[in-house]
Amino acid sequence: NGSSPSISEAVRRAKEAYPHAEVEIEITQFDQLAEVLKTDAGVIILSKMHPEPIKKCVKEIKKSKKKVYLDSSLASITLSTIRAYAETGVDAISVSTLTHSVQAIEIGMRLYTK
């Protein structure tokens, strides 16, 4: 029918296909959390949220044995604002500023044959 499976169905399928893999689910809104908490997903990734909704999610997630990570897809997560996000209680934060702010260096190599 072309429709996407529910979160629960997607997790079930992933666990069936890869029984030893830890399933991670990314959510962008608090109202998606209830369904995710009912699944066998081991990690919940919070994305595109500010500290207050993150705290609300973390409070609920910590009642389960699931890990909670924060994806730094928000431009507001920078090295100067990361403390507020860390204080929400998440288990880990992905900070793209670390890799996107580094200047690239070009290295070349020439090989000669005898």
Protein backbone atom coordinates (compact mmCIF):
# COMPACT_ATOMS: atom_id res chain seq x y z
CA ASN A 1 0.00 0.00 0.00
CA GLY A 2 3.04 2.28 0.05
CA SER A 3 2.57 3.53 3.62
CA SER A 4 5.42 3.50 6.12
CA PRO A 5 5.29 0.96 8.94
CA SER A 6 4.61 2.14 12.46
CA ILE A 7 7.58 2.67 14.78
CA SER A 8 6.70 -0.54 16.61
CA GLU A 9 6.54 -2.51 13.36
CA ALA A 10 9.83 -1.03 12.12
CA VAL A 11 11.60 -2.03 15.35
CA ARG A 12 10.08 -5.51 15.19
CA ARG A 13 11.32 -5.96 11.63
CA ALA A 14 14.79 -4.67 12.49
CA LYS A 15 15.08 -7.03 15.48
CA GLU A 16 13.86 -9.93 13.35
CA ALA A 17 16.43 -9.21 10.62
CA TYR A 18 19.30 -8.39 13.02
CA PRO A 19 18.54 -10.06 16.37
CA HIS A 20 21.89 -9.19 17.97
CA ALA A 21 21.97 -5.54 16.88
CA GLU A 22 20.85 -2.73 19.15
CA VAL A 23 18.05 -0.79 17.47
CA GLU A 24 18.17 3.01 17.67
CA ILE A 25 15.09 5.16 17.07
CA GLU A 26 15.27 8.90 16.42
CA ILE A 27 12.39 11.12 17.47
CA THR A 28 11.83 14.85 17.02
CA GLN A 29 8.79 15.38 19.25
CA PHE A 30 7.76 14.37 22.76
CA ASP A 31 4.48 12.87 21.51
CA GLN A 32 6.44 10.21 19.58
CA LEU A 33 8.05 8.93 22.79
CA ALA A 34 5.21 6.80 24.19
CA GLU A 35 5.21 4.46 21.18
CA VAL A 36 9.02 4.16 21.16
CA LEU A 37 9.10 3.28 24.86
CA LYS A 38 6.87 0.26 24.14
CA THR A 39 9.37 -1.19 21.64
CA ASP A 40 12.56 -3.25 21.99
CA ALA A 41 14.70 -0.34 20.77
CA GLY A 42 17.75 0.01 23.00
CA VAL A 43 18.54 3.63 22.20
CA ILE A 44 16.35 6.66 21.68
CA ILE A 45 17.95 9.55 19.83
CA LEU A 46 16.42 12.96 20.44
CA SER A 47 16.75 15.33 17.52
CA LYS A 48 15.71 18.90 16.78
CA MET A 49 14.64 19.61 20.36
CA HIS A 50 15.57 22.33 22.82
CA PRO A 51 16.61 21.64 26.46
CA GLU A 52 13.15 21.77 28.09
CA PRO A 53 11.45 19.12 25.91
CA ILE A 54 14.65 17.06 26.11
CA LYS A 55 14.44 17.07 29.94
CA LYS A 56 10.83 15.94 29.70
CA CYS A 57 11.80 13.06 27.37
CA VAL A 58 14.83 12.05 29.46
CA LYS A 59 12.66 11.85 32.60
CA GLU A 60 10.40 9.31 30.87
CA ILE A 61 13.19 7.40 29.10
CA LYS A 62 15.18 6.96 32.33
CA LYS A 63 12.26 4.92 33.73
CA SER A 64 13.19 2.28 31.15
CA LYS A 65 16.56 0.63 30.51
CA LYS A 66 16.96 2.47 27.22
CA LYS A 67 19.85 4.82 26.51
CA VAL A 68 19.14 8.34 25.35
CA TYR A 69 21.37 10.23 22.94
CA LEU A 70 21.11 13.74 21.60
CA ASP A 71 21.76 14.46 17.95
CA SER A 72 23.21 17.90 17.36
CA SER A 73 21.08 18.66 14.33
CA LEU A 74 20.08 21.95 15.92
CA ALA A 75 22.27 24.92 15.12
CA SER A 76 21.72 26.01 18.73
CA ILE A 77 23.96 23.21 20.02
CA THR A 78 27.43 24.69 19.98
CA LEU A 79 30.46 24.33 22.19
CA SER A 80 29.22 27.36 24.17
CA THR A 81 25.65 25.99 24.67
CA ILE A 82 26.41 22.31 25.12
CA ARG A 83 26.37 22.48 28.94
CA ALA A 84 22.62 23.23 28.98
CA TYR A 85 22.02 20.19 26.78
CA ALA A 86 24.35 17.98 28.85
CA GLU A 87 22.48 18.95 32.02
CA THR A 88 19.28 17.46 30.59
CA GLY A 89 20.57 14.00 31.58
CA VAL A 90 21.18 12.50 28.13
CA ASP A 91 23.72 9.67 27.97
CA ALA A 92 25.64 11.14 25.01
CA ILE A 93 25.62 14.12 22.67
CA SER A 94 26.74 14.16 19.05
CA VAL A 95 28.47 17.48 18.37
CA SER A 96 29.00 18.14 14.69
CA THR A 97 30.70 21.46 15.51
CA LEU A 98 33.82 19.49 16.34
CA THR A 99 34.15 18.10 12.83
CA HIS A 100 32.56 20.88 10.79
CA SER A 101 34.74 23.64 12.27
CA VAL A 102 38.06 21.99 11.47
CA GLN A 103 39.93 23.24 8.44
CA ALA A 104 40.83 20.54 5.98
CA ILE A 105 44.40 19.90 4.94
CA GLU A 106 45.25 18.41 1.60
CA ILE A 107 47.88 15.70 1.63
CA GLY A 108 49.18 14.17 -1.56
CA MET A 109 51.40 11.18 -2.20
CA ARG A 110 53.32 10.18 -5.30
CA LEU A 111 54.40 6.62 -5.92
CA TYR A 112 57.23 5.75 -8.25
CA THR A 113 58.06 2.35 -9.65
CA LYS A 114 61.56 1.22 -10.48
